[in-house]
Amino acid sequence: MTEHFDPTALNQEWPMPSSPRPIVTFGAGSIVGDAHFPAYRKAGFPVAGLYDPDREKARKLAGEWGVQAFASAEEAVAVPDAIFDLATPPKAHADVLRMLPGGAAALIQKPMGSDLQGATEILAICRSRNLRAAVNFQLRFAPMMLALKDAIAKGWLGDVVDFDAWLALATPWQLWPFLKGLPRIEIAMHSIHYLDLIRQILGDPDGVHAKSIGHPSHDVAQTRTSAILDYGDQVRCALSINHDHDFGRKYQACEFRVCGTEGAAYLQLGVNLDYPRGEPDILEIHPKGGDDWIAVPLKGAWFPDAFVGRMANLQRFVSGEDTELVSSVEDAWNTMALVEAAYQSTASPATPLQPRP
């Protein structure tokens, strides 16, 4: 008898910690108010307070969420048994990590440093101070991605042989003023999420071919990327990313197509469409043995629910309720190595055409 595909049976949630520890957030940027604090409030995680060197910005955000604005970094790191939530720019991560008590638990905003050298420094700090640290690659915890991975694990797609990421949209880079002047933007700050998720699903590729460029309408370093991840002769993996498709909603897209030997999945990452308000996430699966696409009723969205799962895993790992720390700094370093390889590729010349004889 053929097994019936039940979309409601796919796992979409990370279990919650039984006794959450207080969260101390470093940084008061838009991501904290748009995602971190909404997620923590939804999950019932206690927030002890936040610190930002911009005291006025810190007081304003703290007031909006009814939490304490610490007067100094020293006051923030003194909170006992805290989970330290680093919503800081990449160049600031190392300095904050050096301040944390030995053995502390920390969630580090992606990317893990500005480049692979920075990631290696962060890894060394975490090892030397015995920090239980993970990187905030929260897309892994989005309800649609947990469901996708569950469907793959249960065999509903067969063996994955194709992975396409296609983005054609208008991203409001002005929301993140700290990006101005940085030499690495698109892959390091955005598509890193997709590269990390692909690593979790397909494993580490043998290499990458990539080209990442800017756009003549602005001065952001890179906003358009094409990349091919090399998984040998069985799996094709390609990303087409365009953040400058600013011609109305009609033909914009932010989607994945994941095809297996026996089934396929389609996903829409809704938050990137009209960010930060976004549109609904979508997951549809054409399962093994099926003759049509079936919509998976999602129990949440990338923002803020993935941030709930990301923090829940770290909390549970610290308490011993989870045995694996997802996206630990050890694993996240490999994502940074893939990012570094992509930038090395984009700086290298393409294979030239042969001259006409």
Foldseek 3Di string as FASTA:
>chain_A
DDDDDDLQPFDQAFDFDPDAAEEEEEDLAPCCVFAVLVLCVVNVHHHQAYEYPVQVSRVVSCVVNVHDYDPDLLVRLPPPLYEYEYPDPQQCVLVSLLNHAQQEEYEAEPDNHLALVSLVSSVVSCVVSVYFYFYPLLVCNGRQNSRVLRCVVVCFQPAWAEKEWEFQEAFPPVSPVVQPPRQDDPVRPPVLSVLLSCCVRPNAAPAKAKAFQPDPVDDRGGQWMWMWGHRDDRHTYIYGTHNPNPDDDPPGFTWMWIHHPFKIKIWGQFCRHPPNVGDAIWIWIQTGPHDDIDTNDGPDHSGHRSSNNLSRLSSCCVVVNDVDNPRTSVSSSSSSVRSNRNVVNNPDDDDDDDDDD
